[in-house]
Amino acid sequence: MAKIYTTKPLAASKMLPKKETINFLLNYSKALTIKKKGAMIFECIAN
């Protein structure tokens, strides 16, 4: 177990998202509306 904590961490490579992933998330956030009514919260996705 001691060897796990004494080794230097490897440099993390940069992970870049695909354009499709970014477009999906942006479109999802544009379609999502949240309405609050009293203590209840309604989430609606307009597709």
PDB file of N, CA and C in Angstrom:
ATOM      1  N   MET A   1       0.813  -1.204   0.000  1.00  0.00           N
ATOM      2  CA  MET A   1       0.000   0.000   0.000  1.00  0.00           C
ATOM      3  C   MET A   1       0.851   1.262   0.000  1.00  0.00           C
ATOM      4  N   ALA A   2       2.024   1.215   0.624  1.00  0.00           N
ATOM      5  CA  ALA A   2       2.861   2.400   0.715  1.00  0.00           C
ATOM      6  C   ALA A   2       3.335   2.849  -0.657  1.00  0.00           C
ATOM      7  N   LYS A   3       3.520   1.928  -1.559  1.00  0.00           N
ATOM      8  CA  LYS A   3       4.004   2.284  -2.888  1.00  0.00           C
ATOM      9  C   LYS A   3       2.993   3.129  -3.659  1.00  0.00           C
ATOM     10  N   ILE A   4       1.723   2.941  -3.392  1.00  0.00           N
ATOM     11  CA  ILE A   4       0.692   3.702  -4.097  1.00  0.00           C
ATOM     12  C   ILE A   4       0.815   5.191  -3.788  1.00  0.00           C
ATOM     13  N   TYR A   5       1.098   5.524  -2.539  1.00  0.00           N
ATOM     14  CA  TYR A   5       1.113   6.915  -2.117  1.00  0.00           C
ATOM     15  C   TYR A   5       2.457   7.603  -2.330  1.00  0.00           C
ATOM     16  N   THR A   6       3.504   6.844  -2.540  1.00  0.00           N
ATOM     17  CA  THR A   6       4.807   7.463  -2.710  1.00  0.00           C
ATOM     18  C   THR A   6       5.152   7.732  -4.168  1.00  0.00           C
ATOM     19  N   THR A   7       4.447   7.138  -5.099  1.00  0.00           N
ATOM     20  CA  THR A   7       4.744   7.381  -6.510  1.00  0.00           C
ATOM     21  C   THR A   7       4.136   8.701  -6.946  1.00  0.00           C
ATOM     22  N   LYS A   8       4.783   9.328  -7.886  1.00  0.00           N
ATOM     23  CA  LYS A   8       4.279  10.588  -8.412  1.00  0.00           C
ATOM     24  C   LYS A   8       3.065  10.314  -9.297  1.00  0.00           C
ATOM     25  N   PRO A   9       2.061  11.169  -9.220  1.00  0.00           N
ATOM     26  CA  PRO A   9       0.891  10.958 -10.079  1.00  0.00           C
ATOM     27  C   PRO A   9       1.254  11.232 -11.543  1.00  0.00           C
ATOM     28  N   LEU A  10       0.673  10.464 -12.418  1.00  0.00           N
ATOM     29  CA  LEU A  10       0.911  10.662 -13.844  1.00  0.00           C
ATOM     30  C   LEU A  10       0.218  11.933 -14.310  1.00  0.00           C
ATOM     31  N   ALA A  11       0.811  12.588 -15.264  1.00  0.00           N
ATOM     32  CA  ALA A  11       0.203  13.799 -15.805  1.00  0.00           C
ATOM     33  C   ALA A  11      -1.045  13.408 -16.585  1.00  0.00           C
ATOM     34  N   ALA A  12      -2.140  14.043 -16.259  1.00  0.00           N
ATOM     35  CA  ALA A  12      -3.401  13.741 -16.931  1.00  0.00           C
ATOM     36  C   ALA A  12      -3.403  14.379 -18.316  1.00  0.00           C
ATOM     37  N   SER A  13      -3.749  13.595 -19.291  1.00  0.00           N
ATOM     38  CA  SER A  13      -3.838  14.148 -20.641  1.00  0.00           C
ATOM     39  C   SER A  13      -5.127  14.954 -20.757  1.00  0.00           C
ATOM     40  N   LYS A  14      -5.093  15.978 -21.564  1.00  0.00           N
ATOM     41  CA  LYS A  14      -6.272  16.817 -21.724  1.00  0.00           C
ATOM     42  C   LYS A  14      -7.319  16.068 -22.531  1.00  0.00           C
ATOM     43  N   MET A  15      -8.517  16.046 -21.989  1.00  0.00           N
ATOM     44  CA  MET A  15      -9.621  15.382 -22.668  1.00  0.00           C
ATOM     45  C   MET A  15     -10.499  16.463 -23.284  1.00  0.00           C
ATOM     46  N   LEU A  16     -10.628  16.449 -24.571  1.00  0.00           N
ATOM     47  CA  LEU A  16     -11.444  17.432 -25.259  1.00  0.00           C
ATOM     48  C   LEU A  16     -12.743  16.781 -25.722  1.00  0.00           C
ATOM     49  N   PRO A  17     -13.890  17.430 -25.461  1.00  0.00           N
ATOM     50  CA  PRO A  17     -15.162  16.853 -25.895  1.00  0.00           C
ATOM     51  C   PRO A  17     -15.361  17.025 -27.396  1.00  0.00           C
ATOM     52  N   LYS A  18     -16.185  16.152 -27.957  1.00  0.00           N
ATOM     53  CA  LYS A  18     -16.517  16.259 -29.375  1.00  0.00           C
ATOM     54  C   LYS A  18     -17.503  17.400 -29.574  1.00  0.00           C
ATOM     55  N   LYS A  19     -17.576  17.897 -30.801  1.00  0.00           N
ATOM     56  CA  LYS A  19     -18.526  18.969 -31.107  1.00  0.00           C
ATOM     57  C   LYS A  19     -19.959  18.500 -30.909  1.00  0.00           C
ATOM     58  N   GLU A  20     -20.225  17.213 -31.203  1.00  0.00           N
ATOM     59  CA  GLU A  20     -21.579  16.682 -31.031  1.00  0.00           C
ATOM     60  C   GLU A  20     -22.001  16.733 -29.563  1.00  0.00           C
ATOM     61  N   THR A  21     -21.070  16.461 -28.667  1.00  0.00           N
ATOM     62  CA  THR A  21     -21.373  16.488 -27.239  1.00  0.00           C
ATOM     63  C   THR A  21     -21.695  17.899 -26.780  1.00  0.00           C
ATOM     64  N   ILE A  22     -20.915  18.851 -27.227  1.00  0.00           N
ATOM     65  CA  ILE A  22     -21.155  20.247 -26.851  1.00  0.00           C
ATOM     66  C   ILE A  22     -22.490  20.728 -27.397  1.00  0.00           C
ATOM     67  N   ASN A  23     -22.777  20.405 -28.655  1.00  0.00           N
ATOM     68  CA  ASN A  23     -24.053  20.808 -29.251  1.00  0.00           C
ATOM     69  C   ASN A  23     -25.228  20.163 -28.531  1.00  0.00           C
ATOM     70  N   PHE A  24     -25.099  18.892 -28.161  1.00  0.00           N
ATOM     71  CA  PHE A  24     -26.173  18.213 -27.439  1.00  0.00           C
ATOM     72  C   PHE A  24     -26.455  18.902 -26.114  1.00  0.00           C
ATOM     73  N   LEU A  25     -25.416  19.209 -25.359  1.00  0.00           N
ATOM     74  CA  LEU A  25     -25.606  19.851 -24.058  1.00  0.00           C
ATOM     75  C   LEU A  25     -26.185  21.253 -24.189  1.00  0.00           C
ATOM     76  N   LEU A  26     -25.737  21.998 -25.180  1.00  0.00           N
ATOM     77  CA  LEU A  26     -26.281  23.343 -25.381  1.00  0.00           C
ATOM     78  C   LEU A  26     -27.747  23.294 -25.786  1.00  0.00           C
ATOM     79  N   ASN A  27     -28.094  22.390 -26.696  1.00  0.00           N
ATOM     80  CA  ASN A  27     -29.488  22.269 -27.121  1.00  0.00           C
ATOM     81  C   ASN A  27     -30.373  21.782 -25.982  1.00  0.00           C
ATOM     82  N   TYR A  28     -29.865  20.873 -25.174  1.00  0.00           N
ATOM     83  CA  TYR A  28     -30.631  20.383 -24.022  1.00  0.00           C
ATOM     84  C   TYR A  28     -30.894  21.513 -23.035  1.00  0.00           C
ATOM     85  N   SER A  29     -29.878  22.321 -22.769  1.00  0.00           N
ATOM     86  CA  SER A  29     -30.058  23.408 -21.806  1.00  0.00           C
ATOM     87  C   SER A  29     -30.989  24.490 -22.351  1.00  0.00           C
ATOM     88  N   LYS A  30     -31.016  24.673 -23.667  1.00  0.00           N
ATOM     89  CA  LYS A  30     -31.941  25.640 -24.259  1.00  0.00           C
ATOM     90  C   LYS A  30     -33.380  25.153 -24.166  1.00  0.00           C
ATOM     91  N   ALA A  31     -33.596  23.837 -24.273  1.00  0.00           N
ATOM     92  CA  ALA A  31     -34.943  23.276 -24.256  1.00  0.00           C
ATOM     93  C   ALA A  31     -35.481  23.090 -22.842  1.00  0.00           C
ATOM     94  N   LEU A  32     -34.615  23.101 -21.842  1.00  0.00           N
ATOM     95  CA  LEU A  32     -35.023  22.839 -20.463  1.00  0.00           C
ATOM     96  C   LEU A  32     -35.572  24.103 -19.817  1.00  0.00           C
ATOM     97  N   THR A  33     -36.770  23.994 -19.259  1.00  0.00           N
ATOM     98  CA  THR A  33     -37.351  25.089 -18.479  1.00  0.00           C
ATOM     99  C   THR A  33     -37.722  24.547 -17.104  1.00  0.00           C
ATOM    100  N   ILE A  34     -37.474  25.339 -16.096  1.00  0.00           N
ATOM    101  CA  ILE A  34     -37.766  24.947 -14.716  1.00  0.00           C
ATOM    102  C   ILE A  34     -38.751  25.952 -14.144  1.00  0.00           C
ATOM    103  N   LYS A  35     -39.887  25.440 -13.657  1.00  0.00           N
ATOM    104  CA  LYS A  35     -40.924  26.289 -13.074  1.00  0.00           C
ATOM    105  C   LYS A  35     -41.094  25.918 -11.614  1.00  0.00           C
ATOM    106  N   LYS A  36     -41.149  26.922 -10.755  1.00  0.00           N
ATOM    107  CA  LYS A  36     -41.355  26.694  -9.329  1.00  0.00           C
ATOM    108  C   LYS A  36     -42.765  27.140  -8.968  1.00  0.00           C
ATOM    109  N   LYS A  37     -43.479  26.270  -8.279  1.00  0.00           N
ATOM    110  CA  LYS A  37     -44.832  26.583  -7.825  1.00  0.00           C
ATOM    111  C   LYS A  37     -44.923  26.162  -6.369  1.00  0.00           C
ATOM    112  N   GLY A  38     -44.810  27.110  -5.477  1.00  0.00           N
ATOM    113  CA  GLY A  38     -44.822  26.797  -4.057  1.00  0.00           C
ATOM    114  C   GLY A  38     -43.569  26.027  -3.674  1.00  0.00           C
ATOM    115  N   ALA A  39     -43.764  24.835  -3.100  1.00  0.00           N
ATOM    116  CA  ALA A  39     -42.635  24.002  -2.699  1.00  0.00           C
ATOM    117  C   ALA A  39     -42.253  23.006  -3.786  1.00  0.00           C
ATOM    118  N   MET A  40     -42.993  22.987  -4.901  1.00  0.00           N
ATOM    119  CA  MET A  40     -42.734  22.021  -5.971  1.00  0.00           C
ATOM    120  C   MET A  40     -41.941  22.661  -7.100  1.00  0.00           C
ATOM    121  N   ILE A  41     -41.126  21.857  -7.748  1.00  0.00           N
ATOM    122  CA  ILE A  41     -40.334  22.305  -8.888  1.00  0.00           C
ATOM    123  C   ILE A  41     -40.661  21.406 -10.073  1.00  0.00           C
ATOM    124  N   PHE A  42     -41.041  22.012 -11.205  1.00  0.00           N
ATOM    125  CA  PHE A  42     -41.368  21.272 -12.419  1.00  0.00           C
ATOM    126  C   PHE A  42     -40.286  21.520 -13.458  1.00  0.00           C
ATOM    127  N   GLU A  43     -39.775  20.435 -14.033  1.00  0.00           N
ATOM    128  CA  GLU A  43     -38.780  20.526 -15.097  1.00  0.00           C
ATOM    129  C   GLU A  43     -39.423  20.046 -16.391  1.00  0.00           C
ATOM    130  N   CYS A  44     -39.415  20.895 -17.411  1.00  0.00           N
ATOM    131  CA  CYS A  44     -40.029  20.546 -18.691  1.00  0.00           C
ATOM    132  C   CYS A  44     -38.989  20.662 -19.798  1.00  0.00           C
ATOM    133  N   ILE A  45     -38.974  19.663 -20.673  1.00  0.00           N
ATOM    134  CA  ILE A  45     -38.089  19.695 -21.833  1.00  0.00           C
ATOM    135  C   ILE A  45     -38.966  19.862 -23.062  1.00  0.00           C
ATOM    136  N   ALA A  46     -38.794  20.964 -23.760  1.00  0.00           N
ATOM    137  CA  ALA A  46     -39.587  21.265 -24.948  1.00  0.00           C
ATOM    138  C   ALA A  46     -38.881  20.712 -26.174  1.00  0.00           C
ATOM    139  N   ASN A  47     -39.316  19.549 -26.621  1.00  0.00           N
ATOM    140  CA  ASN A  47     -38.740  18.944 -27.826  1.00  0.00           C
ATOM    141  C   ASN A  47     -39.752  18.979 -28.938  1.00  0.00           C
TER     142      ASN A  47
END
